[in-house]
Amino acid sequence: MGTTVKLPDSLFRFLDRLSVRALNWSKQAGRGMTERRLARGRPRSLWGVTPILTLPLKARADATLGFRSQSIVYTTYVITSGFDINLKALVGAVYRVDARLWQPLHRFILAWALLRYDVFHTYADRGLLPPPERFGVDPSELDAWRDAGKRVYVYAYGADVRTRNKTLALGKWNFCVDCPEPVKFCICDDETGSRIMAQTASRVTALVSLGDMLTYMPGAKHVAYWPIDLAKIVQSPATTGDGPLRIAHAPNHMHFKGSHYLEEAVERLRAEGHAIEYVKVQGVPNTQVLELFGKADVVADQFIGGAYGYTALEALALGKPVLTYVRSPDLVLASDECPFLNVTPERIEDSLRWLLANREKLASIGQQGRRYVERWHSIEAVGDRLGSLYEETADFPEATRARVSDARAKECSRRDAIAQIGDWRHPWVVTSKNEFSL
């Protein structure tokens, strides 16, 4: 971003020194504010800053526990711009005034946050301060949070923690197997990844991870932290089973999803005369993805990574059977209830043949998917798991602990009232031996 104006050096130095003083003062003042709010049972949390689709939903999950919770970002992607605090315009304006102001600006933002919030949640690629290298939360920010008595949780979304050698060691199928350009998309370097994770782990309340990302975060708490807004994603009517089998696929990067294995299987089946309609979209808003999924018979997630993606949960919520590859049932919450069709590239064609021959089963599989998400991946369900995380790690005062405990009890009652669907099982359920059996 080019600079159109440059401040006098004296003014820049003044703002730089002022930002340092503001940050140092906010550590002590912020500690006292947090102690008072938590003692009164009025906690506040902040979720940032990578503009992941689920960020504001996680903040809403926190709110179910009685937190005053918000999401914050510095930029947005095409997929969504619906965040509570979007500083894109402010950051852009300040950078245009003088690019040197980037550090004072972020210090002021961190100082403000230390006064306003008590619990901080961020992804492993960066915090409120710019990262010191390509990925990673600035250690000085982690220290500031700790000095101010904050509870701090660092999460992963994939590229921010994934390293190449550890990924390749997972087995034949993994997210690196078809990567066209190592280092471009993920952290990749194992030594760098381990070093960043070690310096982060020593400064936070807890590392939190799920799915395949547990591999790269030793000692992390395993929490399924992908919430679905069930008010927004309404179950689609069951398809009639007439016409071609409609398959929808929405990969962000095809080489990380095994898309070409799916497309090759579809072409082989079409060559045999099977009626299949295959629709793929990329780089479109989430609303368009959901619209596509709603019209499909089946949704294809990924076939090589070993852990399902967020769109797989969205598809389940829409009442659609989902093809995906899960390396172990330990990576799936309540795996005995989850109706994923668990397939690797070798099994895609067989699974599609089964779907073509058993169109009447798709409705019950889809209905079970919706119930599964209602029970385990709603905003309230994720709030419950965050509550469990806090109870294990946060050492909150009694008033805040009581709010969390009461909210968790209500969620348990809500979940227990949701019945599962009978007769949904298929030949590709997730099993303890990673086999494909009934």
Protein backbone atom coordinates (compact mmCIF):
# COMPACT_ATOMS: atom_id res chain seq x y z
CA MET A 1 0.00 0.00 0.00
CA GLY A 2 1.60 3.27 -1.09
CA THR A 3 2.07 6.25 1.21
CA THR A 4 0.44 9.49 0.08
CA VAL A 5 1.43 11.57 3.13
CA LYS A 6 4.38 11.40 5.49
CA LEU A 7 4.22 12.78 9.00
CA PRO A 8 7.03 14.94 10.35
CA ASP A 9 9.59 12.74 12.03
CA SER A 10 9.02 14.47 15.36
CA LEU A 11 5.29 13.71 15.26
CA PHE A 12 5.89 10.12 14.31
CA ARG A 13 8.36 9.67 17.18
CA PHE A 14 5.84 11.21 19.59
CA LEU A 15 3.08 8.82 18.48
CA ASP A 16 5.46 5.89 18.64
CA ARG A 17 6.48 6.70 22.23
CA LEU A 18 2.88 7.40 23.21
CA SER A 19 1.77 4.00 21.91
CA VAL A 20 4.44 2.26 23.99
CA ARG A 21 3.34 4.13 27.10
CA ALA A 22 -0.32 3.44 26.43
CA LEU A 23 0.39 -0.26 26.06
CA ASN A 24 2.43 -0.44 29.25
CA TRP A 25 -0.22 1.45 31.23
CA SER A 26 -3.04 -0.71 29.85
CA LYS A 27 -1.41 -3.89 31.14
CA GLN A 28 -1.78 -2.84 34.77
CA ALA A 29 -5.10 -1.09 34.33
CA GLY A 30 -6.45 -3.96 32.26
CA ARG A 31 -5.57 -6.48 34.96
CA GLY A 32 -7.65 -4.62 37.52
CA MET A 33 -10.59 -4.25 35.14
CA THR A 34 -10.54 -7.97 34.35
CA GLU A 35 -10.40 -8.94 38.01
CA ARG A 36 -13.43 -6.77 38.77
CA ARG A 37 -15.50 -7.95 35.80
CA LEU A 38 -14.80 -11.63 36.44
CA ALA A 39 -15.55 -11.26 40.16
CA ARG A 40 -18.96 -9.84 39.21
CA GLY A 41 -19.65 -12.57 36.65
CA ARG A 42 -19.48 -10.15 33.71
CA PRO A 43 -16.71 -11.54 31.49
CA ARG A 44 -15.82 -10.13 28.08
CA SER A 45 -14.05 -11.99 25.28
CA LEU A 46 -12.52 -11.07 21.94
CA TRP A 47 -12.12 -13.37 18.93
CA GLY A 48 -9.67 -12.46 16.18
CA VAL A 49 -8.19 -11.65 13.89
CA THR A 50 -7.93 -13.93 10.84
CA PRO A 51 -11.23 -13.41 8.94
CA ILE A 52 -12.38 -17.02 9.18
CA LEU A 53 -16.08 -17.56 8.46
CA THR A 54 -16.75 -19.03 11.91
CA LEU A 55 -15.09 -16.23 13.90
CA PRO A 56 -18.29 -14.28 14.71
CA LEU A 57 -20.11 -17.55 15.37
CA LYS A 58 -17.52 -18.50 17.98
CA ALA A 59 -18.11 -15.13 19.61
CA ARG A 60 -21.83 -15.92 19.68
CA ALA A 61 -21.04 -19.32 21.22
CA ASP A 62 -19.17 -17.51 23.99
CA ALA A 63 -22.19 -15.26 24.45
CA THR A 64 -24.34 -18.30 25.29
CA LEU A 65 -22.21 -18.63 28.43
CA GLY A 66 -23.02 -15.09 29.51
CA PHE A 67 -19.94 -13.45 28.00
CA ARG A 68 -19.98 -10.10 26.28
CA SER A 69 -18.14 -11.38 23.23
CA GLN A 70 -17.10 -9.85 19.90
CA SER A 71 -15.09 -10.73 16.80
CA ILE A 72 -12.45 -8.42 15.32
CA VAL A 73 -10.64 -8.41 11.96
CA TYR A 74 -8.28 -6.17 10.00
CA THR A 75 -9.36 -7.40 6.58
CA THR A 76 -12.03 -9.58 4.96
CA TYR A 77 -12.21 -12.13 2.15
CA VAL A 78 -14.89 -12.71 -0.46
CA ILE A 79 -16.47 -15.49 1.58
CA THR A 80 -17.91 -13.13 4.25
CA SER A 81 -17.56 -9.69 5.82
CA GLY A 82 -19.92 -10.19 8.76
CA PHE A 83 -17.66 -9.44 11.72
CA ASP A 84 -18.47 -7.40 14.84
CA ILE A 85 -15.45 -5.08 14.59
CA ASN A 86 -13.97 -4.58 11.13
CA LEU A 87 -10.92 -2.31 11.20
CA LYS A 88 -10.12 -2.61 7.50
CA ALA A 89 -11.04 1.01 6.72
CA LEU A 90 -9.17 2.38 9.76
CA VAL A 91 -6.00 0.42 9.05
CA GLY A 92 -6.07 1.39 5.39
CA ALA A 93 -6.54 5.07 6.19
CA VAL A 94 -3.70 5.14 8.72
CA TYR A 95 -1.33 3.33 6.37
CA ARG A 96 -2.11 5.87 3.67
CA VAL A 97 -1.20 8.70 6.00
CA ASP A 98 2.18 7.18 6.84
CA ALA A 99 3.12 3.52 6.52
CA ARG A 100 5.46 3.88 9.50
CA LEU A 101 2.39 4.18 11.73
CA TRP A 102 1.60 0.48 11.43
CA GLN A 103 3.36 -0.39 14.69
CA PRO A 104 1.97 2.48 16.84
CA LEU A 105 -1.50 1.80 15.44
CA HIS A 106 -1.46 -1.86 16.42
CA ARG A 107 -0.05 -1.03 19.84
CA PHE A 108 -2.95 1.37 20.44
CA ILE A 109 -5.42 -1.33 19.34
CA LEU A 110 -3.83 -3.86 21.69
CA ALA A 111 -3.89 -1.33 24.55
CA TRP A 112 -7.59 -0.67 23.94
CA ALA A 113 -8.32 -4.40 23.90
CA LEU A 114 -6.43 -4.99 27.15
CA LEU A 115 -8.75 -2.52 28.86
CA ARG A 116 -11.94 -3.80 27.30
CA TYR A 117 -11.66 -7.63 27.27
CA ASP A 118 -10.78 -10.40 29.70
CA VAL A 119 -10.46 -13.50 27.49
CA PHE A 120 -8.63 -13.52 24.17
CA HIS A 121 -9.03 -16.09 21.42
CA THR A 122 -6.85 -15.97 18.31
CA TYR A 123 -5.56 -18.23 15.57
CA ALA A 124 -1.92 -19.30 15.47
CA ASP A 125 -1.01 -17.12 12.49
CA ARG A 126 -1.25 -13.72 14.22
CA GLY A 127 -2.78 -11.63 16.97
CA LEU A 128 -3.66 -7.95 17.24
CA LEU A 129 -0.02 -7.04 16.60
CA PRO A 130 1.49 -7.94 13.23
CA PRO A 131 3.22 -11.34 13.25
CA PRO A 132 7.01 -11.24 13.71
CA GLU A 133 7.39 -13.61 10.76
CA ARG A 134 5.12 -15.22 8.17
CA PHE A 135 3.07 -17.05 10.81
CA GLY A 136 2.85 -16.69 14.57
CA VAL A 137 1.49 -14.48 17.34
CA ASP A 138 4.03 -11.85 18.43
CA PRO A 139 5.58 -13.07 21.73
CA SER A 140 5.41 -9.52 23.10
CA GLU A 141 1.65 -9.60 22.61
CA LEU A 142 1.38 -12.95 24.38
CA ASP A 143 3.41 -11.48 27.23
CA ALA A 144 1.16 -8.40 27.35
CA TRP A 145 -1.93 -10.56 27.65
CA ARG A 146 -0.32 -12.58 30.42
CA ASP A 147 0.95 -9.49 32.27
CA ALA A 148 -2.59 -8.08 32.16
CA GLY A 149 -4.08 -11.21 33.76
CA LYS A 150 -5.98 -12.28 30.66
CA ARG A 151 -7.02 -15.80 29.73
CA VAL A 152 -5.55 -16.56 26.30
CA TYR A 153 -6.42 -19.35 23.86
CA VAL A 154 -4.67 -19.98 20.54
CA TYR A 155 -6.41 -22.04 17.84
CA ALA A 156 -5.55 -23.39 14.40
CA TYR A 157 -7.35 -23.25 11.07
CA GLY A 158 -4.87 -25.33 9.05
CA ALA A 159 -2.23 -23.45 7.09
CA ASP A 160 -1.14 -21.58 10.22
CA VAL A 161 0.20 -24.78 11.84
CA ARG A 162 0.55 -27.41 9.11
CA THR A 163 4.14 -28.54 8.48
CA ARG A 164 5.22 -30.75 5.63
CA ASN A 165 7.18 -33.64 7.16
CA LYS A 166 4.65 -34.22 9.92
CA THR A 167 1.87 -34.20 7.34
CA LEU A 168 3.57 -36.64 4.98
CA ALA A 169 4.16 -38.97 7.93
CA LEU A 170 0.40 -39.32 8.48
CA GLY A 171 0.07 -41.93 5.75
CA LYS A 172 -0.63 -42.36 2.05
CA TRP A 173 -3.34 -39.71 1.96
CA ASN A 174 -2.67 -36.31 3.48
CA PHE A 175 -2.96 -32.62 2.69
CA CYS A 176 0.59 -32.42 1.30
CA VAL A 177 0.43 -35.34 -1.11
CA ASP A 178 -0.74 -33.25 -4.09
CA CYS A 179 0.56 -29.82 -3.04
CA PRO A 180 1.87 -28.08 -6.19
CA GLU A 181 4.10 -25.59 -4.38
CA PRO A 182 5.35 -26.34 -0.86
CA VAL A 183 5.84 -23.29 1.41
CA LYS A 184 3.37 -21.17 -0.57
CA PHE A 185 0.20 -22.18 1.27
CA CYS A 186 1.20 -23.33 4.78
CA ILE A 187 3.91 -22.80 7.35
CA CYS A 188 5.50 -26.02 5.95
CA ASP A 189 8.90 -25.91 7.70
CA ASP A 190 8.81 -28.34 10.63
CA GLU A 191 11.57 -26.65 12.61
CA THR A 192 9.95 -23.23 12.30
CA GLY A 193 6.53 -24.62 13.15
CA SER A 194 7.79 -26.40 16.25
CA ARG A 195 9.66 -23.33 17.44
CA ILE A 196 6.68 -21.00 17.01
CA MET A 197 4.34 -23.45 18.70
CA ALA A 198 6.70 -23.96 21.65
CA GLN A 199 7.06 -20.21 22.30
CA THR A 200 3.31 -19.81 22.02
CA ALA A 201 2.42 -22.74 24.29
CA SER A 202 4.61 -21.41 27.10
CA ARG A 203 2.72 -18.11 27.21
CA VAL A 204 -0.98 -19.01 26.85
CA THR A 205 -3.72 -20.43 29.00
CA ALA A 206 -4.15 -23.27 26.49
CA LEU A 207 -3.59 -24.27 22.90
CA VAL A 208 -6.81 -25.50 21.30
CA SER A 209 -7.07 -27.67 18.22
CA LEU A 210 -9.18 -30.20 16.34
CA GLY A 211 -9.02 -32.70 13.48
CA ASP A 212 -5.73 -33.16 11.69
CA MET A 213 -4.39 -29.96 13.27
CA LEU A 214 -3.84 -31.77 16.57
CA THR A 215 -0.75 -33.25 14.92
CA TYR A 216 1.00 -29.89 14.92
CA MET A 217 -0.04 -28.61 18.35
CA PRO A 218 1.40 -30.93 21.04
CA GLY A 219 -0.52 -30.71 24.29
CA ALA A 220 -3.44 -28.83 22.76
CA LYS A 221 -6.95 -29.25 24.13
CA HIS A 222 -9.14 -31.11 21.63
CA VAL A 223 -12.26 -28.99 21.19
CA ALA A 224 -14.64 -29.15 18.19
CA TYR A 225 -14.88 -25.37 17.70
CA TRP A 226 -16.73 -25.09 14.38
CA PRO A 227 -20.27 -23.80 15.11
CA ILE A 228 -23.15 -23.81 12.63
CA ASP A 229 -25.82 -21.10 12.67
CA LEU A 230 -28.91 -23.29 12.43
CA ALA A 231 -31.19 -20.28 12.13
CA LYS A 232 -29.36 -19.30 8.95
CA ILE A 233 -28.86 -22.77 7.51
CA VAL A 234 -32.31 -24.31 7.21
CA GLN A 235 -32.65 -27.95 6.23
CA SER A 236 -33.42 -28.28 2.53
CA PRO A 237 -36.35 -30.40 1.34
CA ALA A 238 -35.35 -33.96 0.54
CA THR A 239 -34.58 -34.53 -3.12
CA THR A 240 -37.00 -36.70 -5.08
CA GLY A 241 -34.44 -39.15 -6.42
CA ASP A 242 -35.50 -38.43 -9.99
CA GLY A 243 -33.06 -37.37 -12.68
CA PRO A 244 -29.27 -37.43 -12.45
CA LEU A 245 -27.45 -37.73 -9.15
CA ARG A 246 -26.47 -34.15 -8.34
CA ILE A 247 -23.04 -33.77 -6.70
CA ALA A 248 -21.87 -30.39 -5.36
CA HIS A 249 -18.25 -29.53 -4.55
CA ALA A 250 -16.84 -26.21 -3.26
CA PRO A 251 -13.06 -26.55 -2.78
CA ASN A 252 -10.95 -23.57 -1.77
CA HIS A 253 -7.89 -25.27 -3.26
CA MET A 254 -8.56 -28.37 -5.37
CA HIS A 255 -5.16 -29.91 -4.66
CA PHE A 256 -5.90 -29.95 -0.92
CA LYS A 257 -9.26 -31.67 -1.41
CA GLY A 258 -8.44 -34.41 -3.90
CA SER A 259 -10.92 -32.91 -6.34
CA HIS A 260 -9.44 -34.54 -9.42
CA TYR A 261 -9.98 -38.02 -7.95
CA LEU A 262 -13.68 -37.21 -7.63
CA GLU A 263 -13.86 -35.80 -11.14
CA GLU A 264 -12.11 -38.81 -12.63
CA ALA A 265 -14.55 -41.17 -10.87
CA VAL A 266 -17.51 -39.13 -12.11
CA GLU A 267 -16.23 -39.29 -15.71
CA ARG A 268 -15.74 -43.07 -15.52
CA LEU A 269 -19.29 -43.54 -14.29
CA ARG A 270 -20.68 -41.19 -16.90
CA ALA A 271 -18.85 -43.19 -19.57
CA GLU A 272 -20.75 -46.26 -18.37
CA GLY A 273 -24.04 -44.41 -18.85
CA HIS A 274 -24.77 -43.31 -15.29
CA ALA A 275 -26.60 -39.99 -15.01
CA ILE A 276 -24.51 -37.66 -12.80
CA GLU A 277 -24.65 -33.88 -12.60
CA TYR A 278 -21.46 -32.45 -11.09
CA VAL A 279 -21.22 -28.77 -10.10
CA LYS A 280 -18.12 -27.15 -8.62
CA VAL A 281 -17.68 -23.57 -7.38
CA GLN A 282 -14.64 -21.71 -6.05
CA GLY A 283 -13.99 -18.23 -4.69
CA VAL A 284 -17.64 -17.30 -4.23
CA PRO A 285 -19.49 -15.96 -1.16
CA ASN A 286 -20.68 -18.49 1.38
CA THR A 287 -24.31 -17.73 0.48
CA GLN A 288 -23.71 -19.08 -3.03
CA VAL A 289 -22.07 -22.21 -1.66
CA LEU A 290 -25.07 -22.91 0.56
CA GLU A 291 -27.45 -22.32 -2.33
CA LEU A 292 -25.56 -24.85 -4.44
CA PHE A 293 -25.50 -27.42 -1.63
CA GLY A 294 -29.22 -26.99 -1.04
CA LYS A 295 -30.00 -28.11 -4.60
CA ALA A 296 -27.66 -31.12 -4.52
CA ASP A 297 -28.30 -34.77 -3.69
CA VAL A 298 -24.79 -35.25 -2.30
CA VAL A 299 -21.99 -32.90 -1.24
CA ALA A 300 -18.31 -33.77 -1.76
CA ASP A 301 -15.93 -32.35 0.85
CA GLN A 302 -12.38 -33.77 0.56
CA PHE A 303 -10.73 -37.15 0.03
CA ILE A 304 -7.07 -36.91 1.02
CA GLY A 305 -6.68 -34.72 4.13
CA GLY A 306 -8.00 -37.12 6.73
CA ALA A 307 -10.16 -34.50 8.47
CA TYR A 308 -13.44 -32.98 7.33
CA GLY A 309 -13.83 -29.30 6.47
CA TYR A 310 -16.33 -26.73 7.67
CA THR A 311 -18.40 -26.99 4.49
CA ALA A 312 -18.99 -30.63 5.38
CA LEU A 313 -20.84 -29.51 8.51
CA GLU A 314 -22.78 -26.90 6.53
CA ALA A 315 -23.85 -29.63 4.12
CA LEU A 316 -24.94 -31.89 6.98
CA ALA A 317 -26.98 -29.00 8.40
CA LEU A 318 -28.72 -28.67 5.03
CA GLY A 319 -29.67 -32.33 5.25
CA LYS A 320 -27.24 -33.60 2.61
CA PRO A 321 -25.14 -36.78 2.63
CA VAL A 322 -21.46 -35.83 2.65
CA LEU A 323 -18.51 -37.64 1.08
CA THR A 324 -15.30 -36.99 3.02
CA TYR A 325 -12.23 -38.77 4.36
CA VAL A 326 -11.70 -38.98 8.13
CA ARG A 327 -8.51 -40.69 9.23
CA SER A 328 -9.80 -41.73 12.66
CA PRO A 329 -13.11 -41.61 14.57
CA ASP A 330 -11.21 -39.75 17.31
CA LEU A 331 -11.29 -36.74 14.97
CA VAL A 332 -15.09 -36.72 14.84
CA LEU A 333 -17.27 -35.68 17.74
CA ALA A 334 -19.81 -38.40 18.62
CA SER A 335 -18.59 -40.42 15.65
CA ASP A 336 -21.25 -43.12 16.17
CA GLU A 337 -23.89 -40.51 15.32
CA CYS A 338 -22.06 -38.93 12.37
CA PRO A 339 -23.36 -39.98 8.93
CA PHE A 340 -20.31 -39.00 6.85
CA LEU A 341 -19.56 -41.34 3.97
CA ASN A 342 -15.90 -41.91 4.79
CA VAL A 343 -14.01 -42.48 1.54
CA THR A 344 -10.47 -42.16 0.18
CA PRO A 345 -9.70 -41.79 -3.54
CA GLU A 346 -9.72 -45.59 -3.97
CA ARG A 347 -13.30 -45.73 -2.66
CA ILE A 348 -14.91 -42.74 -4.37
CA GLU A 349 -16.18 -44.69 -7.36
CA ASP A 350 -17.61 -47.49 -5.20
CA SER A 351 -19.37 -45.00 -2.94
CA LEU A 352 -20.90 -43.19 -5.93
CA ARG A 353 -22.13 -46.50 -7.32
CA TRP A 354 -23.79 -47.22 -3.99
CA LEU A 355 -25.41 -43.78 -3.93
CA LEU A 356 -26.71 -44.27 -7.46
CA ALA A 357 -28.20 -47.62 -6.50
CA ASN A 358 -29.65 -46.49 -3.17
CA ARG A 359 -31.23 -43.11 -3.85
CA GLU A 360 -34.02 -43.92 -1.40
CA LYS A 361 -31.46 -43.93 1.48
CA LEU A 362 -30.26 -40.39 0.89
CA ALA A 363 -33.14 -38.76 2.75
CA SER A 364 -32.54 -40.63 6.03
CA ILE A 365 -28.78 -40.07 5.82
CA GLY A 366 -29.42 -36.37 5.26
CA GLN A 367 -31.91 -36.14 8.12
CA GLN A 368 -29.42 -37.77 10.47
CA GLY A 369 -26.82 -35.23 9.37
CA ARG A 370 -29.11 -32.39 10.34
CA ARG A 371 -29.85 -33.94 13.74
CA TYR A 372 -26.14 -34.58 14.28
CA VAL A 373 -25.32 -30.91 13.69
CA GLU A 374 -28.23 -29.79 15.88
CA ARG A 375 -26.94 -31.94 18.71
CA TRP A 376 -23.19 -31.36 18.42
CA HIS A 377 -22.31 -28.39 16.22
CA SER A 378 -24.88 -25.71 16.93
CA ILE A 379 -23.72 -22.40 18.38
CA GLU A 380 -25.03 -23.55 21.77
CA ALA A 381 -23.17 -26.87 21.52
CA VAL A 382 -19.88 -25.12 20.82
CA GLY A 383 -20.62 -22.78 23.70
CA ASP A 384 -20.94 -25.81 25.96
CA ARG A 385 -17.52 -27.08 24.87
CA LEU A 386 -15.98 -23.65 25.40
CA GLY A 387 -17.52 -23.73 28.87
CA SER A 388 -15.83 -27.05 29.53
CA LEU A 389 -12.53 -25.58 28.32
CA TYR A 390 -12.91 -22.65 30.70
CA GLU A 391 -13.77 -24.92 33.61
CA GLU A 392 -10.60 -26.93 32.98
CA THR A 393 -8.18 -24.09 32.37
CA ALA A 394 -9.40 -20.55 33.12
CA ASP A 395 -9.53 -20.50 36.94
CA PHE A 396 -12.42 -18.04 36.91
CA PRO A 397 -13.86 -16.58 40.14
CA GLU A 398 -17.04 -18.13 41.49
CA ALA A 399 -19.50 -15.68 39.91
CA THR A 400 -18.18 -16.36 36.39
CA ARG A 401 -17.88 -20.10 37.01
CA ALA A 402 -21.53 -20.18 38.07
CA ARG A 403 -22.67 -18.46 34.86
CA VAL A 404 -20.73 -20.96 32.78
CA SER A 405 -22.07 -23.92 34.75
CA ASP A 406 -25.69 -22.79 34.46
CA ALA A 407 -25.38 -22.29 30.70
CA ARG A 408 -23.83 -25.74 30.26
CA ALA A 409 -26.68 -27.38 32.15
CA LYS A 410 -29.23 -25.73 29.85
CA GLU A 411 -27.33 -26.91 26.79
CA CYS A 412 -27.27 -30.49 28.06
CA SER A 413 -31.06 -30.42 28.33
CA ARG A 414 -31.41 -28.94 24.83
CA ARG A 415 -29.18 -31.59 23.25
CA ASP A 416 -30.86 -34.50 25.04
CA ALA A 417 -34.24 -33.41 23.64
CA ILE A 418 -33.07 -33.90 20.03
CA ALA A 419 -33.71 -37.42 18.79
CA GLN A 420 -31.60 -39.21 16.19
CA ILE A 421 -32.91 -40.72 12.94
CA GLY A 422 -33.20 -44.48 12.58
CA ASP A 423 -32.09 -46.53 9.58
CA TRP A 424 -29.51 -44.10 8.23
CA ARG A 425 -26.40 -46.28 8.21
CA HIS A 426 -24.48 -47.01 5.04
CA PRO A 427 -21.34 -49.02 4.11
CA TRP A 428 -18.88 -46.15 4.69
CA VAL A 429 -19.42 -45.11 8.30
CA VAL A 430 -16.41 -43.87 10.26
CA THR A 431 -15.11 -46.86 12.22
CA SER A 432 -12.41 -47.41 14.81
CA LYS A 433 -10.27 -49.37 12.37
CA ASN A 434 -10.66 -46.86 9.54
CA GLU A 435 -12.34 -49.58 7.52
CA PHE A 436 -15.37 -49.33 5.28
CA SER A 437 -18.03 -51.60 6.73
CA LEU A 438 -21.55 -51.63 8.07
